[in-house]
C-alpha atoms as a PDB file:
ATOM      1  CA  MET A   1     105.667  77.742  73.595  1.00  0.00           C
ATOM      2  CA  THR A   2     103.034  79.245  75.908  1.00  0.00           C
ATOM      3  CA  LYS A   3     101.338  82.140  74.349  1.00  0.00           C
ATOM      4  CA  ALA A   4     101.149  85.550  76.284  1.00  0.00           C
ATOM      5  CA  VAL A   5      99.682  88.752  75.430  1.00  0.00           C
ATOM      6  CA  ILE A   6     100.866  92.247  77.229  1.00  0.00           C
ATOM      7  CA  LEU A   7      97.833  94.402  76.885  1.00  0.00           C
ATOM      8  CA  ASP A   8      99.439  97.848  78.072  1.00  0.00           C
ATOM      9  CA  ALA A   9     103.077  97.717  77.987  1.00  0.00           C
ATOM     10  CA  ASP A  10     103.456 101.495  78.002  1.00  0.00           C
ATOM     11  CA  THR A  11     102.522 101.737  81.396  1.00  0.00           C
ATOM     12  CA  VAL A  12     105.620 100.050  82.624  1.00  0.00           C
ATOM     13  CA  THR A  13     108.312 100.976  79.711  1.00  0.00           C
ATOM     14  CA  SER A  14     108.913 103.504  77.239  1.00  0.00           C
ATOM     15  CA  GLY A  15     111.898 101.414  75.992  1.00  0.00           C
ATOM     16  CA  ASP A  16     113.881 102.333  79.027  1.00  0.00           C
ATOM     17  CA  VAL A  17     113.199  98.912  80.654  1.00  0.00           C
ATOM     18  CA  SER A  18     113.549  95.725  79.015  1.00  0.00           C
ATOM     19  CA  LEU A  19     110.714  93.275  78.665  1.00  0.00           C
ATOM     20  CA  SER A  20     113.074  90.361  78.186  1.00  0.00           C
ATOM     21  CA  PRO A  21     112.773  88.673  81.495  1.00  0.00           C
ATOM     22  CA  ILE A  22     109.273  87.981  80.287  1.00  0.00           C
ATOM     23  CA  THR A  23     109.602  87.513  76.550  1.00  0.00           C
ATOM     24  CA  SER A  24     112.306  84.873  77.143  1.00  0.00           C
ATOM     25  CA  LEU A  25     109.843  82.678  79.069  1.00  0.00           C
ATOM     26  CA  VAL A  26     106.648  82.978  76.760  1.00  0.00           C
ATOM     27  CA  ASP A  27     105.639  83.490  73.184  1.00  0.00           C
ATOM     28  CA  THR A  28     104.699  87.162  73.793  1.00  0.00           C
ATOM     29  CA  ARG A  29     102.614  89.580  71.708  1.00  0.00           C
ATOM     30  CA  ILE A  30     102.952  93.087  73.109  1.00  0.00           C
ATOM     31  CA  TYR A  31     100.508  96.026  72.778  1.00  0.00           C
ATOM     32  CA  GLY A  32     101.325  99.501  74.053  1.00  0.00           C
ATOM     33  CA  HIS A  33      97.670 100.251  74.875  1.00  0.00           C
ATOM     34  CA  THR A  34      94.395  98.431  74.834  1.00  0.00           C
ATOM     35  CA  ASP A  35      90.912  99.771  75.052  1.00  0.00           C
ATOM     36  CA  TYR A  36      88.499  97.829  76.835  1.00  0.00           C
ATOM     37  CA  ALA A  37      86.544  96.940  73.627  1.00  0.00           C
ATOM     38  CA  ASP A  38      89.573  95.161  72.050  1.00  0.00           C
ATOM     39  CA  ILE A  39      90.797  93.176  75.114  1.00  0.00           C
ATOM     40  CA  ALA A  40      88.824  89.978  74.432  1.00  0.00           C
ATOM     41  CA  GLU A  41      89.948  89.927  70.719  1.00  0.00           C
ATOM     42  CA  ARG A  42      93.629  90.583  71.553  1.00  0.00           C
ATOM     43  CA  ILE A  43      93.809  87.706  74.124  1.00  0.00           C
ATOM     44  CA  ALA A  44      91.373  85.179  72.659  1.00  0.00           C
ATOM     45  CA  ASP A  45      93.960  82.794  72.134  1.00  0.00           C
ATOM     46  CA  ALA A  46      96.202  83.537  75.104  1.00  0.00           C
ATOM     47  CA  GLU A  47      96.849  81.264  78.166  1.00  0.00           C
ATOM     48  CA  ILE A  48      98.781  84.159  79.847  1.00  0.00           C
ATOM     49  CA  VAL A  49      97.571  87.854  80.120  1.00  0.00           C
ATOM     50  CA  LEU A  50      99.726  90.566  81.533  1.00  0.00           C
ATOM     51  CA  THR A  51      98.339  93.740  82.258  1.00  0.00           C
ATOM     52  CA  ASN A  52      98.582  96.860  84.485  1.00  0.00           C
ATOM     53  CA  LYS A  53      95.293  98.573  84.298  1.00  0.00           C
ATOM     54  CA  CYS A  54      93.170  96.819  81.676  1.00  0.00           C
ATOM     55  CA  ARG A  55      89.776  95.513  83.098  1.00  0.00           C
ATOM     56  CA  ILE A  56      89.384  91.838  82.772  1.00  0.00           C
ATOM     57  CA  THR A  57      85.791  91.437  83.594  1.00  0.00           C
ATOM     58  CA  ALA A  58      83.203  88.422  83.681  1.00  0.00           C
ATOM     59  CA  GLU A  59      82.395  89.402  80.151  1.00  0.00           C
ATOM     60  CA  VAL A  60      86.044  88.964  79.113  1.00  0.00           C
ATOM     61  CA  PHE A  61      86.429  85.635  80.854  1.00  0.00           C
ATOM     62  CA  GLU A  62      83.326  84.241  79.043  1.00  0.00           C
ATOM     63  CA  LYS A  63      84.752  85.296  75.687  1.00  0.00           C
ATOM     64  CA  CYS A  64      88.197  84.028  76.431  1.00  0.00           C
ATOM     65  CA  PRO A  65      88.082  80.497  78.114  1.00  0.00           C
ATOM     66  CA  ASN A  66      91.717  79.834  77.346  1.00  0.00           C
ATOM     67  CA  ILE A  67      93.020  82.484  80.038  1.00  0.00           C
ATOM     68  CA  LYS A  68      94.772  80.561  82.829  1.00  0.00           C
ATOM     69  CA  PHE A  69      96.974  83.084  84.240  1.00  0.00           C
ATOM     70  CA  ILE A  70      96.715  86.919  84.592  1.00  0.00           C
ATOM     71  CA  GLY A  71      99.960  88.649  85.719  1.00  0.00           C
ATOM     72  CA  LEU A  72      99.651  91.948  87.079  1.00  0.00           C
ATOM     73  CA  PHE A  73     102.226  94.799  86.623  1.00  0.00           C
ATOM     74  CA  ALA A  74     100.838  96.070  89.868  1.00  0.00           C
ATOM     75  CA  THR A  75      99.997  95.381  93.664  1.00  0.00           C
ATOM     76  CA  GLY A  76      96.415  96.504  93.355  1.00  0.00           C
ATOM     77  CA  TYR A  77      94.001  94.137  91.450  1.00  0.00           C
ATOM     78  CA  ASN A  78      90.766  95.802  91.510  1.00  0.00           C
ATOM     79  CA  ASN A  79      90.624  95.798  87.788  1.00  0.00           C
ATOM     80  CA  ILE A  80      90.268  92.128  87.694  1.00  0.00           C
ATOM     81  CA  ASP A  81      87.202  90.149  88.656  1.00  0.00           C
ATOM     82  CA  THR A  82      88.870  87.726  90.856  1.00  0.00           C
ATOM     83  CA  VAL A  83      85.695  86.022  91.732  1.00  0.00           C
ATOM     84  CA  CYS A  84      85.279  84.997  87.903  1.00  0.00           C
ATOM     85  CA  ALA A  85      88.936  84.261  87.710  1.00  0.00           C
ATOM     86  CA  GLU A  86      88.748  81.672  90.505  1.00  0.00           C
ATOM     87  CA  LYS A  87      85.546  80.045  88.805  1.00  0.00           C
ATOM     88  CA  HIS A  88      87.396  79.818  85.524  1.00  0.00           C
ATOM     89  CA  GLY A  89      90.501  77.997  87.357  1.00  0.00           C
ATOM     90  CA  CYS A  90      92.535  81.294  86.396  1.00  0.00           C
ATOM     91  CA  VAL A  91      95.420  82.314  88.552  1.00  0.00           C
ATOM     92  CA  VAL A  92      95.646  86.091  89.235  1.00  0.00           C
ATOM     93  CA  ALA A  93      99.330  86.952  90.442  1.00  0.00           C
ATOM     94  CA  ASN A  94     100.019  90.519  91.666  1.00  0.00           C
ATOM     95  CA  VAL A  95     103.494  92.119  92.738  1.00  0.00           C
ATOM     96  CA  PRO A  96     103.426  92.915  96.348  1.00  0.00           C
ATOM     97  CA  GLY A  97     105.981  95.260  97.877  1.00  0.00           C
ATOM     98  CA  TYR A  98     107.999  96.287  94.675  1.00  0.00           C
ATOM     99  CA  SER A  99     107.496 100.023  95.027  1.00  0.00           C
ATOM    100  CA  THR A 100     107.484 100.458  98.960  1.00  0.00           C
ATOM    101  CA  ASN A 101     110.622 102.491  98.905  1.00  0.00           C
ATOM    102  CA  SER A 102     110.020 104.532  95.859  1.00  0.00           C
ATOM    103  CA  VAL A 103     106.513 105.550  97.101  1.00  0.00           C
ATOM    104  CA  ALA A 104     107.991 106.612 100.508  1.00  0.00           C
ATOM    105  CA  GLN A 105     110.341 108.541  98.721  1.00  0.00           C
ATOM    106  CA  HIS A 106     108.051 110.441  96.498  1.00  0.00           C
ATOM    107  CA  THR A 107     105.939 111.126  99.700  1.00  0.00           C
ATOM    108  CA  PHE A 108     108.742 113.146 101.207  1.00  0.00           C
ATOM    109  CA  ALA A 109     109.531 114.772  97.699  1.00  0.00           C
ATOM    110  CA  LEU A 110     105.939 116.195  97.835  1.00  0.00           C
ATOM    111  CA  ILE A 111     106.421 117.158 101.425  1.00  0.00           C
ATOM    112  CA  LEU A 112     109.888 119.043 100.866  1.00  0.00           C
ATOM    113  CA  ASN A 113     108.355 120.695  97.775  1.00  0.00           C
ATOM    114  CA  TYR A 114     106.445 122.618 100.351  1.00  0.00           C
ATOM    115  CA  TYR A 115     108.648 122.815 103.453  1.00  0.00           C
ATOM    116  CA  SER A 116     111.938 123.610 101.447  1.00  0.00           C
ATOM    117  CA  ASN A 117     110.104 125.731  98.668  1.00  0.00           C
ATOM    118  CA  ILE A 118     113.112 124.905  96.316  1.00  0.00           C
ATOM    119  CA  ALA A 119     110.944 125.108  93.119  1.00  0.00           C
ATOM    120  CA  GLN A 120     109.932 128.645  93.764  1.00  0.00           C
ATOM    121  CA  TYR A 121     113.328 129.693  94.704  1.00  0.00           C
ATOM    122  CA  ASP A 122     114.769 128.216  91.795  1.00  0.00           C
ATOM    123  CA  ILE A 123     112.292 130.124  89.555  1.00  0.00           C
ATOM    124  CA  SER A 124     113.244 133.333  91.453  1.00  0.00           C
ATOM    125  CA  VAL A 125     116.858 132.747  90.981  1.00  0.00           C
ATOM    126  CA  LYS A 126     116.493 132.326  87.168  1.00  0.00           C
ATOM    127  CA  ARG A 127     114.480 135.193  86.977  1.00  0.00           C
ATOM    128  CA  GLY A 128     117.398 137.320  88.178  1.00  0.00           C
ATOM    129  CA  ASP A 129     116.275 138.017  91.801  1.00  0.00           C
ATOM    130  CA  TRP A 130     119.525 137.053  93.169  1.00  0.00           C
ATOM    131  CA  GLN A 131     121.530 139.150  90.780  1.00  0.00           C
ATOM    132  CA  VAL A 132     119.863 142.361  91.959  1.00  0.00           C
ATOM    133  CA  SER A 133     119.768 141.447  95.644  1.00  0.00           C
ATOM    134  CA  LYS A 134     121.587 143.772  97.899  1.00  0.00           C
ATOM    135  CA  LEU A 135     122.476 140.884 100.410  1.00  0.00           C
ATOM    136  CA  PHE A 136     123.889 137.610  99.911  1.00  0.00           C
ATOM    137  CA  THR A 137     120.804 135.845 100.380  1.00  0.00           C
ATOM    138  CA  TYR A 138     116.982 136.613 100.513  1.00  0.00           C
ATOM    139  CA  PHE A 139     114.060 134.499 102.108  1.00  0.00           C
ATOM    140  CA  ASN A 140     110.864 136.341 100.982  1.00  0.00           C
ATOM    141  CA  MET A 141     109.144 132.994 100.622  1.00  0.00           C
ATOM    142  CA  PRO A 142     108.405 130.826 103.586  1.00  0.00           C
ATOM    143  CA  PHE A 143     110.041 127.619 104.108  1.00  0.00           C
ATOM    144  CA  PHE A 144     110.172 125.410 107.288  1.00  0.00           C
ATOM    145  CA  GLU A 145     112.194 122.726 109.125  1.00  0.00           C
ATOM    146  CA  LEU A 146     110.741 119.077 109.546  1.00  0.00           C
ATOM    147  CA  ASN A 147     112.623 118.306 112.788  1.00  0.00           C
ATOM    148  CA  GLY A 148     110.062 118.219 115.558  1.00  0.00           C
ATOM    149  CA  LYS A 149     106.971 118.409 113.254  1.00  0.00           C
ATOM    150  CA  ALA A 150     104.223 115.730 113.761  1.00  0.00           C
ATOM    151  CA  ILE A 151     103.443 113.558 110.746  1.00  0.00           C
ATOM    152  CA  GLY A 152     100.196 111.619 110.755  1.00  0.00           C
ATOM    153  CA  ILE A 153     100.296 108.270 108.819  1.00  0.00           C
ATOM    154  CA  ILE A 154      96.993 106.855 107.712  1.00  0.00           C
ATOM    155  CA  GLY A 155      97.601 103.366 106.929  1.00  0.00           C
ATOM    156  CA  TYR A 156     100.508 101.356 108.410  1.00  0.00           C
ATOM    157  CA  GLY A 157     101.580  98.628 105.803  1.00  0.00           C
ATOM    158  CA  ALA A 158     104.896  98.532 104.212  1.00  0.00           C
ATOM    159  CA  ILE A 159     104.847 101.942 102.829  1.00  0.00           C
ATOM    160  CA  GLY A 160     103.669 103.526 105.888  1.00  0.00           C
ATOM    161  CA  LYS A 161     106.352 101.770 107.817  1.00  0.00           C
ATOM    162  CA  ALA A 162     109.046 103.037 105.342  1.00  0.00           C
ATOM    163  CA  VAL A 163     107.483 106.684 105.581  1.00  0.00           C
ATOM    164  CA  LYS A 164     107.813 106.271 109.328  1.00  0.00           C
ATOM    165  CA  LYS A 165     111.548 105.205 109.066  1.00  0.00           C
ATOM    166  CA  ILE A 166     112.299 108.501 106.915  1.00  0.00           C
ATOM    167  CA  ALA A 167     110.093 110.771 109.342  1.00  0.00           C
ATOM    168  CA  SER A 168     112.199 109.542 112.231  1.00  0.00           C
ATOM    169  CA  ALA A 169     115.552 110.272 110.481  1.00  0.00           C
ATOM    170  CA  PHE A 170     114.240 113.983 110.074  1.00  0.00           C
ATOM    171  CA  GLY A 171     113.422 114.001 113.855  1.00  0.00           C
ATOM    172  CA  MET A 172     109.678 113.978 113.255  1.00  0.00           C
ATOM    173  CA  LYS A 173     107.017 112.844 115.676  1.00  0.00           C
ATOM    174  CA  VAL A 174     105.006 110.007 114.157  1.00  0.00           C
ATOM    175  CA  LEU A 175     101.279 109.341 114.719  1.00  0.00           C
ATOM    176  CA  VAL A 176      99.697 106.463 113.163  1.00  0.00           C
ATOM    177  CA  TYR A 177      95.985 105.431 112.503  1.00  0.00           C
ATOM    178  CA  THR A 178      95.491 102.050 111.370  1.00  0.00           C
ATOM    179  CA  ARG A 179      92.961  99.178 111.727  1.00  0.00           C
ATOM    180  CA  THR A 180      95.316  96.809 113.337  1.00  0.00           C
ATOM    181  CA  VAL A 181      97.769  98.005 116.039  1.00  0.00           C
ATOM    182  CA  PRO A 182     101.082  96.784 114.910  1.00  0.00           C
ATOM    183  CA  ALA A 183     103.108  94.508 117.089  1.00  0.00           C
ATOM    184  CA  ASP A 184     106.065  96.863 117.094  1.00  0.00           C
ATOM    185  CA  CYS A 185     105.076 100.451 118.058  1.00  0.00           C
ATOM    186  CA  GLU A 186     108.397 101.680 118.818  1.00  0.00           C
ATOM    187  CA  GLY A 187     108.856 105.313 117.682  1.00  0.00           C
ATOM    188  CA  ILE A 188     105.108 105.667 116.824  1.00  0.00           C
ATOM    189  CA  GLU A 189     101.953 106.735 118.661  1.00  0.00           C
ATOM    190  CA  VAL A 190      98.942 104.899 117.543  1.00  0.00           C
ATOM    191  CA  VAL A 191      95.916 107.183 117.730  1.00  0.00           C
ATOM    192  CA  GLY A 192      92.279 107.743 116.517  1.00  0.00           C
ATOM    193  CA  LEU A 193      91.628 109.394 113.212  1.00  0.00           C
ATOM    194  CA  ASN A 194      90.211 112.688 114.717  1.00  0.00           C
ATOM    195  CA  GLU A 195      93.257 112.987 117.109  1.00  0.00           C
ATOM    196  CA  LEU A 196      95.634 112.164 114.299  1.00  0.00           C
ATOM    197  CA  LEU A 197      94.165 114.947 112.011  1.00  0.00           C
ATOM    198  CA  SER A 198      93.858 117.477 114.845  1.00  0.00           C
ATOM    199  CA  ARG A 199      97.706 117.050 115.899  1.00  0.00           C
ATOM    200  CA  SER A 200      99.619 116.473 112.842  1.00  0.00           C
ATOM    201  CA  ASP A 201     101.507 119.046 110.772  1.00  0.00           C
ATOM    202  CA  ILE A 202     101.624 116.711 107.888  1.00  0.00           C
ATOM    203  CA  VAL A 203      98.996 114.021 107.080  1.00  0.00           C
ATOM    204  CA  THR A 204      99.818 111.389 104.573  1.00  0.00           C
ATOM    205  CA  LEU A 205      97.684 108.732 103.177  1.00  0.00           C
ATOM    206  CA  HIS A 206      98.839 105.025 102.889  1.00  0.00           C
ATOM    207  CA  CYS A 207      95.599 103.213 102.916  1.00  0.00           C
ATOM    208  CA  PRO A 208      93.740 100.885 100.348  1.00  0.00           C
ATOM    209  CA  LEU A 209      90.696 102.351  98.720  1.00  0.00           C
ATOM    210  CA  ASN A 210      87.763 100.363 100.030  1.00  0.00           C
ATOM    211  CA  ASP A 211      84.345 101.055 101.461  1.00  0.00           C
ATOM    212  CA  GLY A 212      85.865 102.133 104.639  1.00  0.00           C
ATOM    213  CA  THR A 213      88.272 104.674 103.209  1.00  0.00           C
ATOM    214  CA  LYS A 214      86.404 106.146 100.318  1.00  0.00           C
ATOM    215  CA  GLU A 215      86.300 109.887 100.712  1.00  0.00           C
ATOM    216  CA  LEU A 216      87.882 109.474 104.206  1.00  0.00           C
ATOM    217  CA  ILE A 217      89.140 113.002 103.801  1.00  0.00           C
ATOM    218  CA  ASN A 218      86.242 115.248 103.276  1.00  0.00           C
ATOM    219  CA  SER A 219      84.916 118.517 104.494  1.00  0.00           C
ATOM    220  CA  SER A 220      84.086 117.243 108.080  1.00  0.00           C
ATOM    221  CA  THR A 221      87.711 115.517 108.403  1.00  0.00           C
ATOM    222  CA  LEU A 222      89.660 118.543 106.693  1.00  0.00           C
ATOM    223  CA  LYS A 223      88.136 120.945 109.188  1.00  0.00           C
ATOM    224  CA  LEU A 224      89.810 119.115 112.090  1.00  0.00           C
ATOM    225  CA  MET A 225      93.131 119.601 110.750  1.00  0.00           C
ATOM    226  CA  LYS A 226      95.471 122.654 111.513  1.00  0.00           C
ATOM    227  CA  PRO A 227      95.147 125.737 109.201  1.00  0.00           C
ATOM    228  CA  SER A 228      98.832 125.136 108.689  1.00  0.00           C
ATOM    229  CA  ALA A 229      98.542 121.426 107.841  1.00  0.00           C
ATOM    230  CA  VAL A 230      99.969 119.648 104.700  1.00  0.00           C
ATOM    231  CA  LEU A 231      97.875 116.721 103.042  1.00  0.00           C
ATOM    232  CA  ILE A 232      99.624 114.233 101.142  1.00  0.00           C
ATOM    233  CA  ASN A 233      98.253 111.397  98.872  1.00  0.00           C
ATOM    234  CA  THR A 234     100.217 108.651  97.091  1.00  0.00           C
ATOM    235  CA  SER A 235      97.715 106.039  97.898  1.00  0.00           C
ATOM    236  CA  ARG A 236      94.391 106.103  95.751  1.00  0.00           C
ATOM    237  CA  GLY A 237      92.568 109.262  94.702  1.00  0.00           C
ATOM    238  CA  GLY A 238      89.167 108.143  95.783  1.00  0.00           C
ATOM    239  CA  VAL A 239      90.389 108.323  99.437  1.00  0.00           C
ATOM    240  CA  ILE A 240      89.856 112.198  99.017  1.00  0.00           C
ATOM    241  CA  CYS A 241      86.623 114.072  98.309  1.00  0.00           C
ATOM    242  CA  GLU A 242      88.232 116.357  95.768  1.00  0.00           C
ATOM    243  CA  LYS A 243      85.723 118.875  95.784  1.00  0.00           C
ATOM    244  CA  ASP A 244      85.965 119.247  99.431  1.00  0.00           C
ATOM    245  CA  LEU A 245      89.786 119.448  99.140  1.00  0.00           C
ATOM    246  CA  ALA A 246      89.652 122.103  96.699  1.00  0.00           C
ATOM    247  CA  ASP A 247      87.255 124.241  98.786  1.00  0.00           C
ATOM    248  CA  ALA A 248      89.449 123.733 101.955  1.00  0.00           C
ATOM    249  CA  LEU A 249      92.614 124.802 100.037  1.00  0.00           C
ATOM    250  CA  ASN A 250      90.820 127.690  98.655  1.00  0.00           C
ATOM    251  CA  ASN A 251      89.412 129.003 101.799  1.00  0.00           C
ATOM    252  CA  ASN A 252      92.642 128.452 103.768  1.00  0.00           C
ATOM    253  CA  VAL A 253      91.141 125.462 105.923  1.00  0.00           C
ATOM    254  CA  ILE A 254      94.630 123.828 105.414  1.00  0.00           C
ATOM    255  CA  SER A 255      97.875 125.103 103.717  1.00  0.00           C
ATOM    256  CA  TYR A 256      98.918 122.851 100.984  1.00  0.00           C
ATOM    257  CA  ALA A 257      98.288 119.347  99.239  1.00  0.00           C
ATOM    258  CA  GLY A 258     100.601 117.155  97.468  1.00  0.00           C
ATOM    259  CA  LEU A 259      98.840 114.538  95.229  1.00  0.00           C
ATOM    260  CA  ASP A 260     100.229 111.917  93.134  1.00  0.00           C
ATOM    261  CA  VAL A 261      96.760 110.191  92.555  1.00  0.00           C
ATOM    262  CA  LEU A 262      93.410 111.301  91.536  1.00  0.00           C
ATOM    263  CA  THR A 263      89.831 109.804  91.514  1.00  0.00           C
ATOM    264  CA  THR A 264      89.850 109.882  87.693  1.00  0.00           C
ATOM    265  CA  GLU A 265      93.097 109.003  85.814  1.00  0.00           C
ATOM    266  CA  PRO A 266      94.314 110.559  83.741  1.00  0.00           C
ATOM    267  CA  MET A 267      93.072 113.846  85.125  1.00  0.00           C
ATOM    268  CA  SER A 268      89.665 114.886  83.901  1.00  0.00           C
ATOM    269  CA  LYS A 269      89.132 118.323  82.373  1.00  0.00           C
ATOM    270  CA  ASP A 270      86.371 118.865  85.144  1.00  0.00           C
ATOM    271  CA  CYS A 271      88.619 117.840  87.879  1.00  0.00           C
ATOM    272  CA  PRO A 272      87.698 119.987  90.967  1.00  0.00           C
ATOM    273  CA  LEU A 273      91.222 120.467  92.103  1.00  0.00           C
ATOM    274  CA  ILE A 274      92.251 122.207  88.793  1.00  0.00           C
ATOM    275  CA  GLY A 275      93.200 125.707  89.768  1.00  0.00           C
ATOM    276  CA  ALA A 276      92.999 125.114  93.537  1.00  0.00           C
ATOM    277  CA  LYS A 277      95.454 127.019  95.586  1.00  0.00           C
ATOM    278  CA  ASN A 278      98.659 125.572  96.914  1.00  0.00           C
ATOM    279  CA  CYS A 279      98.056 122.079  95.348  1.00  0.00           C
ATOM    280  CA  CYS A 280     100.999 120.199  93.691  1.00  0.00           C
ATOM    281  CA  PHE A 281     100.391 117.289  91.249  1.00  0.00           C
ATOM    282  CA  THR A 282     102.402 114.482  89.927  1.00  0.00           C
ATOM    283  CA  PRO A 283     100.783 112.160  87.497  1.00  0.00           C
ATOM    284  CA  HIS A 284     100.785 109.087  89.463  1.00  0.00           C
ATOM    285  CA  ILE A 285     104.444 108.234  89.350  1.00  0.00           C
ATOM    286  CA  ALA A 286     105.450 107.461  92.891  1.00  0.00           C
ATOM    287  CA  TRP A 287     105.604 103.795  91.939  1.00  0.00           C
ATOM    288  CA  ALA A 288     107.595 104.389  88.806  1.00  0.00           C
ATOM    289  CA  PRO A 289     111.428 104.949  89.110  1.00  0.00           C
ATOM    290  CA  LEU A 290     113.652 103.183  86.812  1.00  0.00           C
ATOM    291  CA  GLU A 291     114.880 100.886  89.398  1.00  0.00           C
ATOM    292  CA  THR A 292     111.419 100.135  90.549  1.00  0.00           C
ATOM    293  CA  ARG A 293     110.128  99.492  87.105  1.00  0.00           C
ATOM    294  CA  VAL A 294     113.068  96.950  86.467  1.00  0.00           C
ATOM    295  CA  ARG A 295     112.230  95.405  89.846  1.00  0.00           C
ATOM    296  CA  LEU A 296     108.696  94.981  88.778  1.00  0.00           C
ATOM    297  CA  ILE A 297     109.408  93.263  85.625  1.00  0.00           C
ATOM    298  CA  ASP A 298     111.668  90.682  87.155  1.00  0.00           C
ATOM    299  CA  MET A 299     109.018  90.090  89.712  1.00  0.00           C
ATOM    300  CA  VAL A 300     106.407  89.569  87.062  1.00  0.00           C
ATOM    301  CA  ALA A 301     108.577  87.043  85.265  1.00  0.00           C
ATOM    302  CA  GLU A 302     109.048  85.245  88.725  1.00  0.00           C
ATOM    303  CA  ASN A 303     105.330  85.008  88.966  1.00  0.00           C
ATOM    304  CA  ILE A 304     105.173  83.680  85.304  1.00  0.00           C
ATOM    305  CA  SER A 305     107.951  81.057  86.074  1.00  0.00           C
ATOM    306  CA  ALA A 306     106.424  79.800  89.268  1.00  0.00           C
ATOM    307  CA  TYR A 307     102.986  79.310  87.295  1.00  0.00           C
ATOM    308  CA  LEU A 308     104.630  77.454  84.501  1.00  0.00           C
ATOM    309  CA  SER A 309     106.334  75.164  87.024  1.00  0.00           C
ATOM    310  CA  GLY A 310     103.056  74.302  88.474  1.00  0.00           C
ATOM    311  CA  ASN A 311     103.656  76.228  91.707  1.00  0.00           C
ATOM    312  CA  PRO A 312     101.956  79.639  91.261  1.00  0.00           C
ATOM    313  CA  ILE A 313     102.646  82.281  93.886  1.00  0.00           C
ATOM    314  CA  ASN A 314     101.014  85.811  94.801  1.00  0.00           C
ATOM    315  CA  ASN A 315      97.635  84.112  93.543  1.00  0.00           C
ATOM    316  CA  VAL A 316      95.195  86.971  94.760  1.00  0.00           C
ATOM    317  CA  ALA A 317      92.302  84.955  93.198  1.00  0.00           C
ATOM    318  CA  ALA A 318      92.624  82.231  95.775  1.00  0.00           C
ATOM    319  CA  LEU A 319      91.969  84.891  98.588  1.00  0.00           C
ATOM    320  CA  ASN A 320      88.157  84.846  97.544  1.00  0.00           C
END
C-alpha cells in the first residue's frame, strides 16, 4: 500500500472529524503537529505528504526524493515550493472552494457582532441590568440596521460572490473592487478602490495576499473610509498594516474591525492590535465549521484517489 504521512492533523480535526476517507486509501502515519526541523525525517520514506500549513521547501525536496504527491488541507499553497515540486515531478493538489459558504457566513457573524451588539447585551442581561430596568426594554448601547447600508467587497471570487448574495438578502447596496470586471454585474456596482473605501459603511476583504495586496489597508487607505465604517478581514492578515489599523481604531478614524486573520499566526505577544479599541478577533476559524472540515477531508481523499489512478486533479504545481 502506498505510504502517506499527515504532518499536522490537529489543524483539521480534534477527533470530531474522521480521517478514514484518507486512511482507507493509503498506509497513513499521522502526526498532530510537526515542526519544520522534523518534516524531512518524518516524510523521508513517504510517497504522499498531507499537510495544511507545514512548509515543504527546496531543502525538504532535496532530502526527500520519494515525495510524488503533496495533498493540501487548504486552498492556499504558499507554504509549498511549487517550482521545486514541478522539477521533482511532484503533484501539489489543493482543495478549492470547500469553505466558500462558511467564510461568507463568518464574515456576517463579524459584521453582526457590531451591528446587532448581541454579545454586549447578553453580558448586560446576565449582569442583572434587565432585572432592575423600569421599562420592558433598554437600548443604551448602539445597534443598527444593515438594510440600505453600503458594503464594499474587495476581491470578487467565489467568497466575494457568496458575501454579495447574503448582503443582497439584507437589502444592502453592494460595491465591488476587483482586478477583473465580472461578466455578471447584476446587483453590484464595480468601482475603484478609493471610491469603494469612501462610500462603504462596511469594507470586507476577500482577496489573496500578493505583492499587489500586501498592506493594501494602511494609514492612507483607512483615512478614506467613513468614521462610522466597519472593516472585516477573513482573507489574509498581511492585507492589512496592523499598526496603522490599531492607530485608526484608537483615534476613531473608523469605528470597528472584525478580524479572523492576522499577519503572524498564532497571534504574537507584540501584535499591534492587542488592546486596540473596538476590535473583535476570532482565531482563523472562518473556514472550519464541522461540515466544512468533513467536506475538506472528503475532497482531499478525492485528490488522492485521482493521483493513485494516474489522473491527478487540482495540481497547482502545473500552473508554474
